[in-house]
C-alpha atoms as a PDB file:
ATOM      1  CA  MET A   1      24.882 -42.582 -94.693  1.00  0.00           C
ATOM      2  CA  ARG A   2      21.140 -41.635 -93.881  1.00  0.00           C
ATOM      3  CA  PHE A   3      21.777 -43.538 -90.551  1.00  0.00           C
ATOM      4  CA  LYS A   4      24.959 -41.367 -89.716  1.00  0.00           C
ATOM      5  CA  ARG A   5      22.535 -38.173 -90.768  1.00  0.00           C
ATOM      6  CA  LEU A   6      19.929 -39.510 -88.152  1.00  0.00           C
ATOM      7  CA  VAL A   7      22.508 -40.080 -85.450  1.00  0.00           C
ATOM      8  CA  LEU A   8      24.080 -36.845 -86.186  1.00  0.00           C
ATOM      9  CA  LYS A   9      20.566 -34.788 -85.791  1.00  0.00           C
ATOM     10  CA  HIS A  10      19.779 -36.949 -82.724  1.00  0.00           C
ATOM     11  CA  LYS A  11      22.749 -35.802 -81.006  1.00  0.00           C
ATOM     12  CA  LEU A  12      22.177 -31.765 -82.275  1.00  0.00           C
ATOM     13  CA  VAL A  13      18.781 -31.721 -80.954  1.00  0.00           C
ATOM     14  CA  GLY A  14      20.329 -33.039 -77.405  1.00  0.00           C
ATOM     15  CA  ALA A  15      22.944 -30.495 -77.675  1.00  0.00           C
ATOM     16  CA  LEU A  16      20.525 -27.903 -78.267  1.00  0.00           C
ATOM     17  CA  ALA A  17      18.042 -28.706 -75.402  1.00  0.00           C
ATOM     18  CA  ALA A  18      21.080 -28.445 -73.032  1.00  0.00           C
ATOM     19  CA  LEU A  19      21.891 -25.014 -74.285  1.00  0.00           C
ATOM     20  CA  SER A  20      18.483 -23.676 -73.981  1.00  0.00           C
ATOM     21  CA  LEU A  21      18.236 -25.328 -70.649  1.00  0.00           C
ATOM     22  CA  SER A  22      21.463 -23.597 -69.075  1.00  0.00           C
ATOM     23  CA  ALA A  23      20.146 -20.435 -71.128  1.00  0.00           C
ATOM     24  CA  LEU A  24      16.583 -20.284 -69.266  1.00  0.00           C
ATOM     25  CA  VAL A  25      19.125 -21.166 -65.554  1.00  0.00           C
ATOM     26  CA  ALA A  26      20.766 -18.120 -66.740  1.00  0.00           C
ATOM     27  CA  VAL A  27      17.679 -16.085 -67.768  1.00  0.00           C
ATOM     28  CA  ALA A  28      15.933 -17.005 -64.498  1.00  0.00           C
ATOM     29  CA  GLY A  29      18.149 -15.609 -62.192  1.00  0.00           C
ATOM     30  CA  VAL A  30      19.133 -19.009 -59.939  1.00  0.00           C
ATOM     31  CA  VAL A  31      21.863 -18.268 -58.210  1.00  0.00           C
ATOM     32  CA  PRO A  32      23.738 -19.705 -54.562  1.00  0.00           C
ATOM     33  CA  ALA A  33      22.100 -18.408 -51.420  1.00  0.00           C
ATOM     34  CA  MET A  34      23.401 -15.945 -49.485  1.00  0.00           C
ATOM     35  CA  ALA A  35      23.613 -15.547 -45.782  1.00  0.00           C
ATOM     36  CA  SER A  36      22.378 -12.377 -44.001  1.00  0.00           C
ATOM     37  CA  THR A  37      22.791 -11.276 -40.229  1.00  0.00           C
ATOM     38  CA  GLY A  38      20.209  -9.491 -38.467  1.00  0.00           C
ATOM     39  CA  THR A  39      21.596  -7.525 -35.076  1.00  0.00           C
ATOM     40  CA  VAL A  40      19.288  -6.607 -32.057  1.00  0.00           C
ATOM     41  CA  ALA A  41      20.720  -3.964 -29.285  1.00  0.00           C
ATOM     42  CA  VAL A  42      18.784  -5.118 -25.945  1.00  0.00           C
ATOM     43  CA  THR A  43      19.674  -2.585 -23.376  1.00  0.00           C
ATOM     44  CA  GLY A  44      19.160  -3.124 -19.758  1.00  0.00           C
ATOM     45  CA  GLY A  45      16.242  -0.908 -18.128  1.00  0.00           C
ATOM     46  CA  THR A  46      16.069  -0.279 -14.229  1.00  0.00           C
ATOM     47  CA  LEU A  47      15.081  -2.484 -11.128  1.00  0.00           C
ATOM     48  CA  ALA A  48      12.196  -0.197  -9.565  1.00  0.00           C
ATOM     49  CA  PHE A  49       8.620  -1.065  -7.809  1.00  0.00           C
ATOM     50  CA  VAL A  50       6.474  -0.504 -11.162  1.00  0.00           C
ATOM     51  CA  SER A  51       4.054   1.584  -8.777  1.00  0.00           C
ATOM     52  CA  THR A  52       4.571   2.812  -4.897  1.00  0.00           C
ATOM     53  CA  PRO A  53       3.270  -0.276  -2.913  1.00  0.00           C
ATOM     54  CA  GLY A  54       0.140   1.524  -1.205  1.00  0.00           C
ATOM     55  CA  ASN A  55      -1.094   0.817   2.341  1.00  0.00           C
ATOM     56  CA  PRO A  56      -1.922  -2.955   3.859  1.00  0.00           C
ATOM     57  CA  SER A  57      -5.534  -3.488   3.386  1.00  0.00           C
ATOM     58  CA  LEU A  58      -6.021  -4.940   7.105  1.00  0.00           C
ATOM     59  CA  THR A  59      -9.882  -5.957   8.630  1.00  0.00           C
ATOM     60  CA  ALA A  60     -11.047  -4.063  11.091  1.00  0.00           C
ATOM     61  CA  ILE A  61     -11.796  -6.142  14.311  1.00  0.00           C
ATOM     62  CA  THR A  62     -14.781  -6.336  16.662  1.00  0.00           C
ATOM     63  CA  LEU A  63     -13.393  -7.404  20.370  1.00  0.00           C
ATOM     64  CA  ASN A  64     -15.531 -10.476  21.351  1.00  0.00           C
ATOM     65  CA  GLY A  65     -13.413 -11.716  24.156  1.00  0.00           C
ATOM     66  CA  THR A  66     -10.896 -13.874  21.751  1.00  0.00           C
ATOM     67  CA  ASN A  67      -7.854 -13.203  20.521  1.00  0.00           C
ATOM     68  CA  GLN A  68      -8.114 -12.323  16.716  1.00  0.00           C
ATOM     69  CA  ASN A  69      -6.153 -11.581  13.404  1.00  0.00           C
ATOM     70  CA  SER A  70      -6.667  -8.707  11.507  1.00  0.00           C
ATOM     71  CA  VAL A  71      -5.837 -10.060   7.967  1.00  0.00           C
ATOM     72  CA  GLY A  72      -4.745  -8.063   4.500  1.00  0.00           C
ATOM     73  CA  THR A  73      -2.717  -8.354   1.776  1.00  0.00           C
ATOM     74  CA  LEU A  74      -0.189  -5.850   0.130  1.00  0.00           C
ATOM     75  CA  PRO A  75       0.365  -6.428  -3.176  1.00  0.00           C
ATOM     76  CA  MET A  76       4.161  -5.036  -4.552  1.00  0.00           C
ATOM     77  CA  ASP A  77       4.252  -4.406  -8.331  1.00  0.00           C
ATOM     78  CA  VAL A  78       7.941  -5.568  -8.624  1.00  0.00           C
ATOM     79  CA  GLY A  79       9.691  -4.247 -12.199  1.00  0.00           C
ATOM     80  CA  ASP A  80      13.296  -6.222 -12.859  1.00  0.00           C
ATOM     81  CA  ASN A  81      13.878  -4.657 -16.243  1.00  0.00           C
ATOM     82  CA  THR A  82      17.738  -4.355 -15.760  1.00  0.00           C
ATOM     83  CA  GLY A  83      18.072  -7.541 -18.150  1.00  0.00           C
ATOM     84  CA  SER A  84      21.104  -8.492 -15.676  1.00  0.00           C
ATOM     85  CA  GLY A  85      19.582 -11.473 -14.275  1.00  0.00           C
ATOM     86  CA  ALA A  86      21.083 -10.685 -10.970  1.00  0.00           C
ATOM     87  CA  GLY A  87      17.635 -11.358  -8.598  1.00  0.00           C
ATOM     88  CA  TRP A  88      16.483  -9.025  -5.881  1.00  0.00           C
ATOM     89  CA  ASN A  89      14.736  -8.912  -2.808  1.00  0.00           C
ATOM     90  CA  ILE A  90      11.910  -7.169  -0.953  1.00  0.00           C
ATOM     91  CA  THR A  91      12.995  -5.692   2.643  1.00  0.00           C
ATOM     92  CA  MET A  92      10.790  -4.553   5.455  1.00  0.00           C
ATOM     93  CA  THR A  93      10.449  -2.820   8.626  1.00  0.00           C
ATOM     94  CA  SER A  94       7.948  -1.029  10.751  1.00  0.00           C
ATOM     95  CA  THR A  95       7.063   0.712  13.764  1.00  0.00           C
ATOM     96  CA  THR A  96       4.732  -0.709  16.890  1.00  0.00           C
ATOM     97  CA  PHE A  97       1.192  -0.653  16.122  1.00  0.00           C
ATOM     98  CA  ALA A  98      -0.003   2.112  18.570  1.00  0.00           C
ATOM     99  CA  GLN A  99      -2.322   4.773  19.613  1.00  0.00           C
ATOM    100  CA  THR A 100      -2.009   7.819  21.834  1.00  0.00           C
ATOM    101  CA  THR A 101      -4.989   8.115  23.894  1.00  0.00           C
ATOM    102  CA  PRO A 102      -4.790   6.184  26.087  1.00  0.00           C
ATOM    103  CA  ALA A 103      -1.070   5.394  25.124  1.00  0.00           C
ATOM    104  CA  GLU A 104      -1.126   1.673  23.835  1.00  0.00           C
ATOM    105  CA  SER A 105       0.780  -0.363  21.298  1.00  0.00           C
ATOM    106  CA  LEU A 106       0.364  -3.967  20.141  1.00  0.00           C
ATOM    107  CA  ALA A 107       3.081  -6.410  20.417  1.00  0.00           C
ATOM    108  CA  THR A 108       6.008  -6.054  18.603  1.00  0.00           C
ATOM    109  CA  THR A 109       5.757  -9.479  17.283  1.00  0.00           C
ATOM    110  CA  ALA A 110       2.046  -8.667  16.212  1.00  0.00           C
ATOM    111  CA  THR A 111       2.852  -8.535  12.294  1.00  0.00           C
ATOM    112  CA  THR A 112       3.458 -11.976  10.243  1.00  0.00           C
ATOM    113  CA  ALA A 113       2.957 -13.379   7.031  1.00  0.00           C
ATOM    114  CA  ILE A 114       2.108 -16.633   7.771  1.00  0.00           C
ATOM    115  CA  ALA A 115       2.279 -18.155   4.091  1.00  0.00           C
ATOM    116  CA  THR A 116       4.542 -18.055   0.908  1.00  0.00           C
ATOM    117  CA  PRO A 117       3.380 -14.314  -1.038  1.00  0.00           C
ATOM    118  CA  THR A 118       1.972 -15.051  -4.365  1.00  0.00           C
ATOM    119  CA  ASP A 119       3.451 -13.637  -7.392  1.00  0.00           C
ATOM    120  CA  ALA A 120       1.629 -13.229 -10.777  1.00  0.00           C
ATOM    121  CA  CYS A 121       3.188 -11.822 -14.513  1.00  0.00           C
ATOM    122  CA  ASP A 122       1.573  -8.370 -14.713  1.00  0.00           C
ATOM    123  CA  ALA A 123      -1.239  -8.284 -17.486  1.00  0.00           C
ATOM    124  CA  SER A 124      -0.117  -8.986 -20.733  1.00  0.00           C
ATOM    125  CA  VAL A 125       3.637  -9.332 -19.440  1.00  0.00           C
ATOM    126  CA  THR A 126       6.166 -12.153 -20.367  1.00  0.00           C
ATOM    127  CA  CYS A 127       7.871 -12.468 -17.324  1.00  0.00           C
ATOM    128  CA  THR A 128      10.105 -15.124 -15.408  1.00  0.00           C
ATOM    129  CA  LEU A 129       8.596 -15.670 -11.796  1.00  0.00           C
ATOM    130  CA  ALA A 130      10.736 -15.439  -8.721  1.00  0.00           C
ATOM    131  CA  THR A 131      12.011 -18.162  -7.249  1.00  0.00           C
ATOM    132  CA  ASN A 132      11.719 -17.498  -3.605  1.00  0.00           C
ATOM    133  CA  ALA A 133      13.965 -19.081  -0.740  1.00  0.00           C
ATOM    134  CA  ILE A 134      12.595 -16.827   2.157  1.00  0.00           C
ATOM    135  CA  THR A 135      11.161 -19.542   4.790  1.00  0.00           C
ATOM    136  CA  TYR A 136       7.382 -18.554   6.707  1.00  0.00           C
ATOM    137  CA  PRO A 137       5.989 -17.317   8.593  1.00  0.00           C
ATOM    138  CA  TYR A 138       7.846 -14.212   8.264  1.00  0.00           C
ATOM    139  CA  ALA A 139       7.600 -11.609  11.069  1.00  0.00           C
ATOM    140  CA  LEU A 140       7.439  -8.062  10.282  1.00  0.00           C
ATOM    141  CA  PRO A 141      10.280  -6.310  12.253  1.00  0.00           C
ATOM    142  CA  ALA A 142       8.680  -3.733  14.668  1.00  0.00           C
ATOM    143  CA  ALA A 143       9.536  -0.981  17.640  1.00  0.00           C
ATOM    144  CA  GLY A 144       9.613   2.597  18.612  1.00  0.00           C
ATOM    145  CA  THR A 145      11.747   3.110  16.192  1.00  0.00           C
ATOM    146  CA  ALA A 146      11.755   1.160  13.428  1.00  0.00           C
ATOM    147  CA  PRO A 147      14.737  -1.451  13.507  1.00  0.00           C
ATOM    148  CA  THR A 148      16.705  -2.689  10.756  1.00  0.00           C
ATOM    149  CA  ALA A 149      14.779  -4.289   7.838  1.00  0.00           C
ATOM    150  CA  THR A 150      14.701  -7.793   6.965  1.00  0.00           C
ATOM    151  CA  LYS A 151      14.097  -9.660   3.610  1.00  0.00           C
ATOM    152  CA  MET A 152      10.531 -10.315   3.281  1.00  0.00           C
ATOM    153  CA  TYR A 153      10.920 -11.830  -0.438  1.00  0.00           C
ATOM    154  CA  ASN A 154      13.594 -12.673  -2.721  1.00  0.00           C
ATOM    155  CA  ALA A 155      14.222 -13.980  -6.601  1.00  0.00           C
ATOM    156  CA  ALA A 156      16.956 -16.244  -7.377  1.00  0.00           C
ATOM    157  CA  ALA A 157      19.216 -15.352 -10.135  1.00  0.00           C
ATOM    158  CA  LEU A 158      18.048 -15.600 -13.196  1.00  0.00           C
ATOM    159  CA  THR A 159      14.610 -15.367 -11.580  1.00  0.00           C
ATOM    160  CA  GLY A 160      12.118 -12.273 -11.190  1.00  0.00           C
ATOM    161  CA  LEU A 161      12.397 -10.803 -14.515  1.00  0.00           C
ATOM    162  CA  ALA A 162       9.644  -8.494 -15.934  1.00  0.00           C
ATOM    163  CA  ASN A 163       7.032  -7.051 -14.122  1.00  0.00           C
ATOM    164  CA  GLN A 164       5.094  -9.221 -11.565  1.00  0.00           C
ATOM    165  CA  THR A 165       3.240  -8.818  -8.597  1.00  0.00           C
ATOM    166  CA  VAL A 166       3.986  -9.979  -5.105  1.00  0.00           C
ATOM    167  CA  THR A 167       1.238 -10.330  -2.820  1.00  0.00           C
ATOM    168  CA  PRO A 168       1.685 -11.265   0.862  1.00  0.00           C
ATOM    169  CA  THR A 169      -1.116 -11.648   3.060  1.00  0.00           C
ATOM    170  CA  PHE A 170      -0.219 -10.250   6.254  1.00  0.00           C
ATOM    171  CA  HIS A 171      -1.967 -11.152   9.755  1.00  0.00           C
ATOM    172  CA  VAL A 172      -1.701  -8.610  12.640  1.00  0.00           C
ATOM    173  CA  ALA A 173      -2.564 -10.652  16.446  1.00  0.00           C
ATOM    174  CA  ILE A 174      -4.888  -8.543  18.589  1.00  0.00           C
ATOM    175  CA  PRO A 175      -5.471  -9.776  22.191  1.00  0.00           C
ATOM    176  CA  ALA A 176      -8.336 -10.248  23.248  1.00  0.00           C
ATOM    177  CA  ASN A 177      -7.595  -7.447  25.995  1.00  0.00           C
ATOM    178  CA  THR A 178      -6.478  -4.606  23.806  1.00  0.00           C
ATOM    179  CA  ILE A 179      -7.622  -1.431  24.194  1.00  0.00           C
ATOM    180  CA  ALA A 180     -10.506  -0.232  21.279  1.00  0.00           C
ATOM    181  CA  ALA A 181      -8.970   2.230  19.340  1.00  0.00           C
ATOM    182  CA  THR A 182      -7.378   2.838  15.959  1.00  0.00           C
ATOM    183  CA  TYR A 183      -3.593   1.907  16.095  1.00  0.00           C
ATOM    184  CA  VAL A 184      -1.432   3.083  13.712  1.00  0.00           C
ATOM    185  CA  SER A 185       2.301   1.426  11.955  1.00  0.00           C
ATOM    186  CA  THR A 186       4.423   2.770   9.377  1.00  0.00           C
ATOM    187  CA  TRP A 187       5.931   0.327   7.470  1.00  0.00           C
ATOM    188  CA  THR A 188       9.179   0.452   5.140  1.00  0.00           C
ATOM    189  CA  ILE A 189       9.469  -1.330   2.371  1.00  0.00           C
ATOM    190  CA  SER A 190      12.538  -1.759  -0.027  1.00  0.00           C
ATOM    191  CA  LEU A 191      13.481  -2.940  -3.437  1.00  0.00           C
ATOM    192  CA  VAL A 192      17.257  -4.374  -3.550  1.00  0.00           C
ATOM    193  CA  SER A 193      19.258  -5.600  -5.923  1.00  0.00           C
ATOM    194  CA  ALA A 194      20.362  -9.581  -5.398  1.00  0.00           C
ATOM    195  CA  PRO A 195      18.641 -12.300  -3.894  1.00  0.00           C
END
């Protein structure tokens, strides 16, 4: 009889322990995990030059009896904030380098970009650099009246995203027999959607 009471007591203690554990779980507030969905709306902006391209920084030339090149860069800060991934291109044209007294001009083929321009993300900007398919040297179109513009640089689809600066280096051919004067050319630069 004593043995039966002892077994009954152990069963009762086990049942109370299980009951205490389930009560503890209920009090602690343990519930199944719930899913929550966060949503962020991203709206496309514009495709534009971040700042207007300035004047090319061409070096001055001193005639010395040999053919020379005036060399200079022209940084172009492109901002593709459309979020479309459509790509873009930079087109250029120009008037012939000329001066008026006496009336003289350089060749219409004088200006070229010999090598592929550099491209770098703007400071503190995460960008996707442009994948460029233009071949070099690039000849800047020129005439008395600026001719049809041509592609100088481009960004393939899904590249060229966000703000980045494309910097071509231009060479202007100065023949040895050039008349000493200041020659001026007007360059027209456009940023166009699609490669």
